[in-house]
Every structure is written in structure tokens, then in C-alpha cells.
């Protein structure tokens, strides 16, 4: 039963991703909005955290980014979902400025 539950969860996530990507393709650049990058990152990590995932979060950029919010959200979601799969058990997430650029690491 647990394999079936895992399969259903995986298919549900894939379906949501496909629908989201379809939405993104149809968004125009006039959807650009000023967002608080550190706040969005924090919100996405909290939403996407799953039981065994451990995150060390150091968000120090204090950046307001002029961006399509859904594009930034997808970027953060991709990093948060993939980091535990391809990295160590503890995932370090940080944001800062370097040479005039916003850095999400």
C-alpha cells in the first residue's frame, strides 16, 4: 500500500508541474512584479518541506526583485525539491548580494 501511496503522490506532483508549466508558457512579461525574494524563498521552503528534509536557511539578501512571480517560484521550488535528492541530508539555502547580483545558493 505504501508503494501505491508514493506512486499516487508522485503522479499528483507531476500533474501539478505540467499544469504549472502550461500556465507559465502563456504568461506575458507584463506579469512582472516587485517581490520580496527572501520572503518568497522562505514561504516556498516551508510549503515544500517534507518530513525527513532538513533545511538550514540563511536569507540575507533583503532583495526586492522585479520578476514574474511564478517564474521565481518555479525556480525556488525546483531547487528545494531537487537539493535533498541530489545532495546531502542537510540542505543549506542562502541568499545574498555579490558583485551587484542577487545570489540564491
PDB file of N, CA and C in Angstrom:
ATOM      1  N   UNK A   1       0.810  -1.199   0.000  1.00  0.00           N
ATOM      2  CA  UNK A   1       0.000   0.000   0.000  1.00  0.00           C
ATOM      3  C   UNK A   1       0.853   1.262   0.000  1.00  0.00           C
ATOM      4  N   UNK A   2       1.977   1.227   0.733  1.00  0.00           N
ATOM      5  CA  UNK A   2       2.813   2.425   0.796  1.00  0.00           C
ATOM      6  C   UNK A   2       3.415   2.746  -0.574  1.00  0.00           C
ATOM      7  N   UNK A   3       3.730   1.712  -1.371  1.00  0.00           N
ATOM      8  CA  UNK A   3       4.231   1.947  -2.729  1.00  0.00           C
ATOM      9  C   UNK A   3       3.171   2.612  -3.592  1.00  0.00           C
ATOM     10  N   UNK A   4       1.932   2.194  -3.417  1.00  0.00           N
ATOM     11  CA  UNK A   4       0.828   2.774  -4.168  1.00  0.00           C
ATOM     12  C   UNK A   4       0.622   4.236  -3.766  1.00  0.00           C
ATOM     13  N   UNK A   5       0.691   4.515  -2.467  1.00  0.00           N
ATOM     14  CA  UNK A   5       0.557   5.895  -1.990  1.00  0.00           C
ATOM     15  C   UNK A   5       1.679   6.773  -2.548  1.00  0.00           C
ATOM     16  N   UNK A   6       2.892   6.252  -2.554  1.00  0.00           N
ATOM     17  CA  UNK A   6       4.031   7.009  -3.090  1.00  0.00           C
ATOM     18  C   UNK A   6       3.845   7.264  -4.581  1.00  0.00           C
ATOM     19  N   UNK A   7       3.345   6.262  -5.299  1.00  0.00           N
ATOM     20  CA  UNK A   7       3.092   6.406  -6.741  1.00  0.00           C
ATOM     21  C   UNK A   7       2.029   7.478  -6.997  1.00  0.00           C
ATOM     22  N   UNK A   8       0.967   7.450  -6.224  1.00  0.00           N
ATOM     23  CA  UNK A   8      -0.108   8.444  -6.383  1.00  0.00           C
ATOM     24  C   UNK A   8       0.415   9.840  -6.086  1.00  0.00           C
ATOM     25  N   UNK A   9       1.207   9.999  -5.021  1.00  0.00           N
ATOM     26  CA  UNK A   9       1.788  11.307  -4.692  1.00  0.00           C
ATOM     27  C   UNK A   9       2.696  11.793  -5.821  1.00  0.00           C
ATOM     28  N   UNK A  10       3.504  10.892  -6.366  1.00  0.00           N
ATOM     29  CA  UNK A  10       4.406  11.252  -7.456  1.00  0.00           C
ATOM     30  C   UNK A  10       3.624  11.698  -8.687  1.00  0.00           C
ATOM     31  N   UNK A  11       2.596  10.972  -9.039  1.00  0.00           N
ATOM     32  CA  UNK A  11       1.773  11.331 -10.207  1.00  0.00           C
ATOM     33  C   UNK A  11       1.051  12.655  -9.986  1.00  0.00           C
ATOM     34  N   UNK A  12       0.594  12.887  -8.761  1.00  0.00           N
ATOM     35  CA  UNK A  12      -0.069  14.145  -8.429  1.00  0.00           C
ATOM     36  C   UNK A  12       0.903  15.315  -8.600  1.00  0.00           C
ATOM     37  N   UNK A  13       2.126  15.150  -8.105  1.00  0.00           N
ATOM     38  CA  UNK A  13       3.145  16.199  -8.245  1.00  0.00           C
ATOM     39  C   UNK A  13       3.488  16.452  -9.705  1.00  0.00           C
ATOM     40  N   UNK A  14       3.609  15.393 -10.485  1.00  0.00           N
ATOM     41  CA  UNK A  14       3.922  15.556 -11.904  1.00  0.00           C
ATOM     42  C   UNK A  14       2.796  16.278 -12.645  1.00  0.00           C
ATOM     43  N   UNK A  15       1.560  15.927 -12.319  1.00  0.00           N
ATOM     44  CA  UNK A  15       0.415  16.583 -12.957  1.00  0.00           C
ATOM     45  C   UNK A  15       0.392  18.073 -12.624  1.00  0.00           C
ATOM     46  N   UNK A  16       0.633  18.415 -11.362  1.00  0.00           N
ATOM     47  CA  UNK A  16       0.677  19.825 -10.953  1.00  0.00           C
ATOM     48  C   UNK A  16       1.788  20.565 -11.687  1.00  0.00           C
ATOM     49  N   UNK A  17       2.934  19.917 -11.845  1.00  0.00           N
ATOM     50  CA  UNK A  17       4.062  20.540 -12.535  1.00  0.00           C
ATOM     51  C   UNK A  17       3.712  20.813 -13.993  1.00  0.00           C
ATOM     52  N   UNK A  18       3.096  19.845 -14.650  1.00  0.00           N
ATOM     53  CA  UNK A  18       2.712  20.018 -16.057  1.00  0.00           C
ATOM     54  C   UNK A  18       1.717  21.168 -16.205  1.00  0.00           C
ATOM     55  N   UNK A  19       0.745  21.241 -15.316  1.00  0.00           N
ATOM     56  CA  UNK A  19      -0.244  22.321 -15.376  1.00  0.00           C
ATOM     57  C   UNK A  19       0.409  23.678 -15.114  1.00  0.00           C
ATOM     58  N   UNK A  20       1.318  23.721 -14.169  1.00  0.00           N
ATOM     59  CA  UNK A  20       2.015  24.965 -13.858  1.00  0.00           C
ATOM     60  C   UNK A  20       2.856  25.421 -15.042  1.00  0.00           C
ATOM     61  N   UNK A  21       3.569  24.492 -15.669  1.00  0.00           N
ATOM     62  CA  UNK A  21       4.390  24.851 -16.823  1.00  0.00           C
ATOM     63  C   UNK A  21       3.528  25.353 -17.976  1.00  0.00           C
ATOM     64  N   UNK A  22       2.344  24.775 -18.133  1.00  0.00           N
ATOM     65  CA  UNK A  22       1.415  25.253 -19.150  1.00  0.00           C
ATOM     66  C   UNK A  22       1.000  26.687 -18.875  1.00  0.00           C
ATOM     67  N   UNK A  23       0.763  27.003 -17.614  1.00  0.00           N
ATOM     68  CA  UNK A  23       0.432  28.375 -17.220  1.00  0.00           C
ATOM     69  C   UNK A  23       1.570  29.326 -17.501  1.00  0.00           C
ATOM     70  N   UNK A  24       2.781  28.914 -17.170  1.00  0.00           N
ATOM     71  CA  UNK A  24       3.959  29.759 -17.346  1.00  0.00           C
ATOM     72  C   UNK A  24       4.168  30.091 -18.815  1.00  0.00           C
ATOM     73  N   UNK A  25       3.959  29.126 -19.687  1.00  0.00           N
ATOM     74  CA  UNK A  25       4.146  29.351 -21.116  1.00  0.00           C
ATOM     75  C   UNK A  25       3.235  30.450 -21.641  1.00  0.00           C
ATOM     76  N   UNK A  26       2.077  30.618 -21.006  1.00  0.00           N
ATOM     77  CA  UNK A  26       1.102  31.578 -21.503  1.00  0.00           C
ATOM     78  C   UNK A  26       1.175  32.928 -20.788  1.00  0.00           C
ATOM     79  N   UNK A  27       2.048  33.032 -19.805  1.00  0.00           N
ATOM     80  CA  UNK A  27       2.185  34.313 -19.119  1.00  0.00           C
ATOM     81  C   UNK A  27       3.026  35.259 -19.948  1.00  0.00           C
ATOM     82  N   UNK A  28       2.618  36.502 -19.984  1.00  0.00           N
ATOM     83  CA  UNK A  28       3.383  37.507 -20.709  1.00  0.00           C
ATOM     84  C   UNK A  28       4.293  38.231 -19.731  1.00  0.00           C
ATOM     85  N   UNK A  29       5.291  38.919 -20.265  1.00  0.00           N
ATOM     86  CA  UNK A  29       6.221  39.634 -19.416  1.00  0.00           C
ATOM     87  C   UNK A  29       5.577  40.804 -18.685  1.00  0.00           C
ATOM     88  N   UNK A  30       4.353  41.194 -19.072  1.00  0.00           N
ATOM     89  CA  UNK A  30       3.703  42.266 -18.344  1.00  0.00           C
ATOM     90  C   UNK A  30       3.255  41.797 -16.960  1.00  0.00           C
ATOM     91  N   UNK A  31       3.478  40.527 -16.640  1.00  0.00           N
ATOM     92  CA  UNK A  31       3.194  39.987 -15.313  1.00  0.00           C
ATOM     93  C   UNK A  31       4.325  40.248 -14.340  1.00  0.00           C
ATOM     94  N   UNK A  32       5.322  41.032 -14.765  1.00  0.00           N
ATOM     95  CA  UNK A  32       6.466  41.348 -13.911  1.00  0.00           C
ATOM     96  C   UNK A  32       5.988  42.183 -12.727  1.00  0.00           C
ATOM     97  N   UNK A  33       6.414  41.773 -11.536  1.00  0.00           N
ATOM     98  CA  UNK A  33       6.009  42.428 -10.299  1.00  0.00           C
ATOM     99  C   UNK A  33       7.210  42.512  -9.372  1.00  0.00           C
ATOM    100  N   UNK A  34       7.202  43.485  -8.500  1.00  0.00           N
ATOM    101  CA  UNK A  34       8.244  43.625  -7.492  1.00  0.00           C
ATOM    102  C   UNK A  34       7.921  42.668  -6.342  1.00  0.00           C
ATOM    103  N   UNK A  35       8.847  41.743  -6.046  1.00  0.00           N
ATOM    104  CA  UNK A  35       8.626  40.774  -4.967  1.00  0.00           C
ATOM    105  C   UNK A  35       9.767  40.833  -3.960  1.00  0.00           C
ATOM    106  N   UNK A  36       9.472  40.427  -2.736  1.00  0.00           N
ATOM    107  CA  UNK A  36      10.477  40.292  -1.684  1.00  0.00           C
ATOM    108  C   UNK A  36      11.060  38.885  -1.822  1.00  0.00           C
ATOM    109  N   UNK A  37      12.251  38.784  -2.390  1.00  0.00           N
ATOM    110  CA  UNK A  37      12.844  37.480  -2.719  1.00  0.00           C
ATOM    111  C   UNK A  37      12.996  36.579  -1.500  1.00  0.00           C
ATOM    112  N   UNK A  38      13.547  37.106  -0.411  1.00  0.00           N
ATOM    113  CA  UNK A  38      13.769  36.277   0.773  1.00  0.00           C
ATOM    114  C   UNK A  38      12.453  35.758   1.339  1.00  0.00           C
ATOM    115  N   UNK A  39      11.420  36.575   1.306  1.00  0.00           N
ATOM    116  CA  UNK A  39      10.114  36.167   1.805  1.00  0.00           C
ATOM    117  C   UNK A  39       9.534  35.030   0.954  1.00  0.00           C
ATOM    118  N   UNK A  40       9.626  35.154  -0.360  1.00  0.00           N
ATOM    119  CA  UNK A  40       9.119  34.101  -1.254  1.00  0.00           C
ATOM    120  C   UNK A  40       9.894  32.807  -1.035  1.00  0.00           C
ATOM    121  N   UNK A  41      11.205  32.895  -0.923  1.00  0.00           N
ATOM    122  CA  UNK A  41      12.029  31.698  -0.697  1.00  0.00           C
ATOM    123  C   UNK A  41      11.610  31.006   0.593  1.00  0.00           C
ATOM    124  N   UNK A  42      11.479  31.780   1.662  1.00  0.00           N
ATOM    125  CA  UNK A  42      11.083  31.224   2.962  1.00  0.00           C
ATOM    126  C   UNK A  42       9.716  30.543   2.869  1.00  0.00           C
ATOM    127  N   UNK A  43       8.753  31.207   2.256  1.00  0.00           N
ATOM    128  CA  UNK A  43       7.408  30.638   2.119  1.00  0.00           C
ATOM    129  C   UNK A  43       7.418  29.334   1.332  1.00  0.00           C
ATOM    130  N   UNK A  44       8.183  29.281   0.234  1.00  0.00           N
ATOM    131  CA  UNK A  44       8.218  28.082  -0.592  1.00  0.00           C
ATOM    132  C   UNK A  44       8.881  26.928   0.149  1.00  0.00           C
ATOM    133  N   UNK A  45       9.951  27.200   0.896  1.00  0.00           N
ATOM    134  CA  UNK A  45      10.625  26.130   1.646  1.00  0.00           C
ATOM    135  C   UNK A  45       9.676  25.545   2.683  1.00  0.00           C
ATOM    136  N   UNK A  46       8.987  26.401   3.419  1.00  0.00           N
ATOM    137  CA  UNK A  46       8.038  25.925   4.436  1.00  0.00           C
ATOM    138  C   UNK A  46       6.949  25.082   3.778  1.00  0.00           C
ATOM    139  N   UNK A  47       6.430  25.535   2.654  1.00  0.00           N
ATOM    140  CA  UNK A  47       5.355  24.801   1.969  1.00  0.00           C
ATOM    141  C   UNK A  47       5.828  23.450   1.435  1.00  0.00           C
ATOM    142  N   UNK A  48       7.073  23.398   0.943  1.00  0.00           N
ATOM    143  CA  UNK A  48       7.554  22.187   0.277  1.00  0.00           C
ATOM    144  C   UNK A  48       8.288  21.220   1.196  1.00  0.00           C
ATOM    145  N   UNK A  49       8.602  21.628   2.419  1.00  0.00           N
ATOM    146  CA  UNK A  49       9.321  20.744   3.337  1.00  0.00           C
ATOM    147  C   UNK A  49       8.516  19.478   3.554  1.00  0.00           C
ATOM    148  N   UNK A  50       9.229  18.379   3.536  1.00  0.00           N
ATOM    149  CA  UNK A  50       8.577  17.097   3.807  1.00  0.00           C
ATOM    150  C   UNK A  50       9.348  16.437   4.942  1.00  0.00           C
ATOM    151  N   UNK A  51       8.646  15.725   5.808  1.00  0.00           N
ATOM    152  CA  UNK A  51       9.168  15.061   6.990  1.00  0.00           C
ATOM    153  C   UNK A  51      10.664  14.975   7.185  1.00  0.00           C
ATOM    154  N   UNK A  52      11.374  14.259   6.322  1.00  0.00           N
ATOM    155  CA  UNK A  52      12.782  13.989   6.567  1.00  0.00           C
ATOM    156  C   UNK A  52      13.726  15.071   6.035  1.00  0.00           C
ATOM    157  N   UNK A  53      13.196  16.020   5.290  1.00  0.00           N
ATOM    158  CA  UNK A  53      14.063  17.056   4.731  1.00  0.00           C
ATOM    159  C   UNK A  53      14.436  18.066   5.803  1.00  0.00           C
ATOM    160  N   UNK A  54      15.715  18.334   5.897  1.00  0.00           N
ATOM    161  CA  UNK A  54      16.190  19.322   6.863  1.00  0.00           C
ATOM    162  C   UNK A  54      16.847  20.459   6.103  1.00  0.00           C
ATOM    163  N   UNK A  55      16.479  21.663   6.467  1.00  0.00           N
ATOM    164  CA  UNK A  55      16.992  22.847   5.798  1.00  0.00           C
ATOM    165  C   UNK A  55      17.657  23.777   6.796  1.00  0.00           C
ATOM    166  N   UNK A  56      18.802  24.311   6.415  1.00  0.00           N
ATOM    167  CA  UNK A  56      19.468  25.383   7.137  1.00  0.00           C
ATOM    168  C   UNK A  56      19.284  26.620   6.255  1.00  0.00           C
ATOM    169  N   UNK A  57      18.536  27.596   6.742  1.00  0.00           N
ATOM    170  CA  UNK A  57      18.149  28.733   5.913  1.00  0.00           C
ATOM    171  C   UNK A  57      18.822  30.008   6.410  1.00  0.00           C
ATOM    172  N   UNK A  58      19.567  30.674   5.512  1.00  0.00           N
ATOM    173  CA  UNK A  58      20.211  31.956   5.814  1.00  0.00           C
ATOM    174  C   UNK A  58      19.916  32.927   4.675  1.00  0.00           C
ATOM    175  N   UNK A  59      18.827  33.650   4.813  1.00  0.00           N
ATOM    176  CA  UNK A  59      18.397  34.583   3.769  1.00  0.00           C
ATOM    177  C   UNK A  59      18.778  35.996   4.194  1.00  0.00           C
ATOM    178  N   UNK A  60      19.787  36.551   3.508  1.00  0.00           N
ATOM    179  CA  UNK A  60      20.326  37.854   3.906  1.00  0.00           C
ATOM    180  C   UNK A  60      20.391  38.847   2.755  1.00  0.00           C
ATOM    181  N   UNK A  61      19.662  38.589   1.680  1.00  0.00           N
ATOM    182  CA  UNK A  61      19.781  39.482   0.531  1.00  0.00           C
ATOM    183  C   UNK A  61      18.958  40.752   0.703  1.00  0.00           C
ATOM    184  N   UNK A  62      17.828  40.649   1.391  1.00  0.00           N
ATOM    185  CA  UNK A  62      16.903  41.789   1.546  1.00  0.00           C
ATOM    186  C   UNK A  62      16.606  42.402   0.181  1.00  0.00           C
ATOM    187  N   UNK A  63      16.401  41.524  -0.819  1.00  0.00           N
ATOM    188  CA  UNK A  63      16.226  41.969  -2.204  1.00  0.00           C
ATOM    189  C   UNK A  63      14.763  42.087  -2.584  1.00  0.00           C
ATOM    190  N   UNK A  64      14.487  43.135  -3.322  1.00  0.00           N
ATOM    191  CA  UNK A  64      13.203  43.287  -3.990  1.00  0.00           C
ATOM    192  C   UNK A  64      13.515  43.065  -5.466  1.00  0.00           C
ATOM    193  N   UNK A  65      12.954  42.001  -6.052  1.00  0.00           N
ATOM    194  CA  UNK A  65      13.236  41.655  -7.443  1.00  0.00           C
ATOM    195  C   UNK A  65      12.051  42.006  -8.318  1.00  0.00           C
ATOM    196  N   UNK A  66      12.322  42.549  -9.479  1.00  0.00           N
ATOM    197  CA  UNK A  66      11.304  42.856 -10.469  1.00  0.00           C
ATOM    198  C   UNK A  66      11.260  41.666 -11.430  1.00  0.00           C
ATOM    199  N   UNK A  67      10.272  40.772 -11.231  1.00  0.00           N
ATOM    200  CA  UNK A  67      10.268  39.482 -11.908  1.00  0.00           C
ATOM    201  C   UNK A  67       8.836  38.961 -12.020  1.00  0.00           C
ATOM    202  N   UNK A  68       8.606  37.999 -12.904  1.00  0.00           N
ATOM    203  CA  UNK A  68       7.312  37.312 -12.951  1.00  0.00           C
ATOM    204  C   UNK A  68       7.295  36.366 -11.734  1.00  0.00           C
ATOM    205  N   UNK A  69       6.406  36.607 -10.766  1.00  0.00           N
ATOM    206  CA  UNK A  69       6.418  35.814  -9.530  1.00  0.00           C
ATOM    207  C   UNK A  69       6.396  34.305  -9.743  1.00  0.00           C
ATOM    208  N   UNK A  70       5.606  33.824 -10.702  1.00  0.00           N
ATOM    209  CA  UNK A  70       5.518  32.386 -10.926  1.00  0.00           C
ATOM    210  C   UNK A  70       6.862  31.821 -11.409  1.00  0.00           C
ATOM    211  N   UNK A  71       7.602  32.579 -12.193  1.00  0.00           N
ATOM    212  CA  UNK A  71       8.908  32.113 -12.666  1.00  0.00           C
ATOM    213  C   UNK A  71       9.866  31.944 -11.483  1.00  0.00           C
ATOM    214  N   UNK A  72       9.872  32.920 -10.585  1.00  0.00           N
ATOM    215  CA  UNK A  72      10.750  32.838  -9.416  1.00  0.00           C
ATOM    216  C   UNK A  72      10.320  31.690  -8.514  1.00  0.00           C
ATOM    217  N   UNK A  73       9.023  31.520  -8.336  1.00  0.00           N
ATOM    218  CA  UNK A  73       8.512  30.431  -7.512  1.00  0.00           C
ATOM    219  C   UNK A  73       8.932  29.082  -8.081  1.00  0.00           C
ATOM    220  N   UNK A  74       8.836  28.913  -9.398  1.00  0.00           N
ATOM    221  CA  UNK A  74       9.258  27.658 -10.023  1.00  0.00           C
ATOM    222  C   UNK A  74      10.743  27.399  -9.834  1.00  0.00           C
ATOM    223  N   UNK A  75      11.531  28.444  -9.922  1.00  0.00           N
ATOM    224  CA  UNK A  75      12.972  28.308  -9.705  1.00  0.00           C
ATOM    225  C   UNK A  75      13.249  27.814  -8.290  1.00  0.00           C
ATOM    226  N   UNK A  76      12.634  28.461  -7.312  1.00  0.00           N
ATOM    227  CA  UNK A  76      12.842  28.072  -5.915  1.00  0.00           C
ATOM    228  C   UNK A  76      12.322  26.657  -5.671  1.00  0.00           C
ATOM    229  N   UNK A  77      11.137  26.353  -6.178  1.00  0.00           N
ATOM    230  CA  UNK A  77      10.565  25.011  -5.995  1.00  0.00           C
ATOM    231  C   UNK A  77      11.482  23.936  -6.564  1.00  0.00           C
ATOM    232  N   UNK A  78      12.034  24.199  -7.734  1.00  0.00           N
ATOM    233  CA  UNK A  78      12.930  23.235  -8.372  1.00  0.00           C
ATOM    234  C   UNK A  78      14.146  22.978  -7.483  1.00  0.00           C
ATOM    235  N   UNK A  79      14.750  24.039  -6.984  1.00  0.00           N
ATOM    236  CA  UNK A  79      15.930  23.884  -6.126  1.00  0.00           C
ATOM    237  C   UNK A  79      15.588  23.161  -4.828  1.00  0.00           C
ATOM    238  N   UNK A  80      14.492  23.557  -4.197  1.00  0.00           N
ATOM    239  CA  UNK A  80      14.101  22.965  -2.915  1.00  0.00           C
ATOM    240  C   UNK A  80      13.751  21.491  -3.076  1.00  0.00           C
ATOM    241  N   UNK A  81      13.089  21.129  -4.156  1.00  0.00           N
ATOM    242  CA  UNK A  81      12.725  19.725  -4.371  1.00  0.00           C
ATOM    243  C   UNK A  81      13.906  18.860  -4.772  1.00  0.00           C
ATOM    244  N   UNK A  82      14.842  19.405  -5.538  1.00  0.00           N
ATOM    245  CA  UNK A  82      15.957  18.604  -6.039  1.00  0.00           C
ATOM    246  C   UNK A  82      17.143  18.513  -5.077  1.00  0.00           C
ATOM    247  N   UNK A  83      17.349  19.522  -4.277  1.00  0.00           N
ATOM    248  CA  UNK A  83      18.525  19.540  -3.405  1.00  0.00           C
ATOM    249  C   UNK A  83      18.627  18.314  -2.496  1.00  0.00           C
ATOM    250  N   UNK A  84      17.561  17.925  -1.804  1.00  0.00           N
ATOM    251  CA  UNK A  84      17.679  16.743  -0.936  1.00  0.00           C
ATOM    252  C   UNK A  84      17.909  15.448  -1.717  1.00  0.00           C
ATOM    253  N   UNK A  85      17.438  15.386  -2.947  1.00  0.00           N
ATOM    254  CA  UNK A  85      17.586  14.170  -3.738  1.00  0.00           C
ATOM    255  C   UNK A  85      19.013  13.985  -4.241  1.00  0.00           C
ATOM    256  N   UNK A  86      19.669  15.107  -4.550  1.00  0.00           N
ATOM    257  CA  UNK A  86      20.988  15.026  -5.180  1.00  0.00           C
ATOM    258  C   UNK A  86      22.121  15.534  -4.291  1.00  0.00           C
ATOM    259  N   UNK A  87      21.798  15.954  -3.095  1.00  0.00           N
ATOM    260  CA  UNK A  87      22.817  16.486  -2.199  1.00  0.00           C
ATOM    261  C   UNK A  87      22.840  15.739  -0.886  1.00  0.00           C
ATOM    262  N   UNK A  88      23.356  16.417   0.108  1.00  0.00           N
ATOM    263  CA  UNK A  88      23.440  15.841   1.448  1.00  0.00           C
ATOM    264  C   UNK A  88      22.069  15.848   2.126  1.00  0.00           C
ATOM    265  N   UNK A  89      22.016  15.230   3.298  1.00  0.00           N
ATOM    266  CA  UNK A  89      20.769  15.210   4.066  1.00  0.00           C
ATOM    267  C   UNK A  89      20.366  16.610   4.515  1.00  0.00           C
ATOM    268  N   UNK A  90      21.346  17.425   4.895  1.00  0.00           N
ATOM    269  CA  UNK A  90      21.072  18.797   5.307  1.00  0.00           C
ATOM    270  C   UNK A  90      21.224  19.698   4.095  1.00  0.00           C
ATOM    271  N   UNK A  91      20.181  20.459   3.802  1.00  0.00           N
ATOM    272  CA  UNK A  91      20.199  21.367   2.657  1.00  0.00           C
ATOM    273  C   UNK A  91      20.410  22.789   3.171  1.00  0.00           C
ATOM    274  N   UNK A  92      21.480  23.430   2.718  1.00  0.00           N
ATOM    275  CA  UNK A  92      21.767  24.813   3.077  1.00  0.00           C
ATOM    276  C   UNK A  92      21.221  25.727   1.992  1.00  0.00           C
ATOM    277  N   UNK A  93      20.360  26.655   2.381  1.00  0.00           N
ATOM    278  CA  UNK A  93      19.786  27.613   1.443  1.00  0.00           C
ATOM    279  C   UNK A  93      20.183  29.001   1.918  1.00  0.00           C
ATOM    280  N   UNK A  94      20.795  29.765   1.013  1.00  0.00           N
ATOM    281  CA  UNK A  94      21.178  31.122   1.386  1.00  0.00           C
ATOM    282  C   UNK A  94      20.927  32.073   0.227  1.00  0.00           C
ATOM    283  N   UNK A  95      20.710  33.337   0.588  1.00  0.00           N
ATOM    284  CA  UNK A  95      20.576  34.390  -0.414  1.00  0.00           C
ATOM    285  C   UNK A  95      21.421  35.566   0.061  1.00  0.00           C
ATOM    286  N   UNK A  96      22.071  36.221  -0.901  1.00  0.00           N
ATOM    287  CA  UNK A  96      22.939  37.356  -0.570  1.00  0.00           C
ATOM    288  C   UNK A  96      23.235  38.124  -1.846  1.00  0.00           C
ATOM    289  N   UNK A  97      23.949  39.219  -1.699  1.00  0.00           N
ATOM    290  CA  UNK A  97      24.400  40.005  -2.855  1.00  0.00           C
ATOM    291  C   UNK A  97      25.888  39.781  -3.054  1.00  0.00           C
ATOM    292  N   UNK A  98      26.281  39.650  -4.309  1.00  0.00           N
ATOM    293  CA  UNK A  98      27.697  39.518  -4.640  1.00  0.00           C
ATOM    294  C   UNK A  98      27.944  40.253  -5.956  1.00  0.00           C
ATOM    295  N   UNK A  99      28.854  41.196  -5.940  1.00  0.00           N
ATOM    296  CA  UNK A  99      29.199  41.987  -7.126  1.00  0.00           C
ATOM    297  C   UNK A  99      27.971  42.591  -7.795  1.00  0.00           C
ATOM    298  N   UNK A 100      27.008  43.053  -6.989  1.00  0.00           N
ATOM    299  CA  UNK A 100      25.810  43.695  -7.516  1.00  0.00           C
ATOM    300  C   UNK A 100      24.726  42.744  -7.994  1.00  0.00           C
ATOM    301  N   UNK A 101      24.906  41.453  -7.777  1.00  0.00           N
ATOM    302  CA  UNK A 101      23.925  40.460  -8.215  1.00  0.00           C
ATOM    303  C   UNK A 101      23.245  39.793  -7.021  1.00  0.00           C
ATOM    304  N   UNK A 102      21.999  39.427  -7.215  1.00  0.00           N
ATOM    305  CA  UNK A 102      21.271  38.608  -6.250  1.00  0.00           C
ATOM    306  C   UNK A 102      21.735  37.167  -6.425  1.00  0.00           C
ATOM    307  N   UNK A 103      22.088  36.501  -5.330  1.00  0.00           N
ATOM    308  CA  UNK A 103      22.552  35.119  -5.404  1.00  0.00           C
ATOM    309  C   UNK A 103      21.664  34.256  -4.515  1.00  0.00           C
ATOM    310  N   UNK A 104      21.145  33.187  -5.088  1.00  0.00           N
ATOM    311  CA  UNK A 104      20.409  32.159  -4.343  1.00  0.00           C
ATOM    312  C   UNK A 104      21.233  30.905  -4.454  1.00  0.00           C
ATOM    313  N   UNK A 105      21.636  30.394  -3.307  1.00  0.00           N
ATOM    314  CA  UNK A 105      22.528  29.240  -3.286  1.00  0.00           C
ATOM    315  C   UNK A 105      21.925  28.171  -2.399  1.00  0.00           C
TER     316      UNK A 105
END
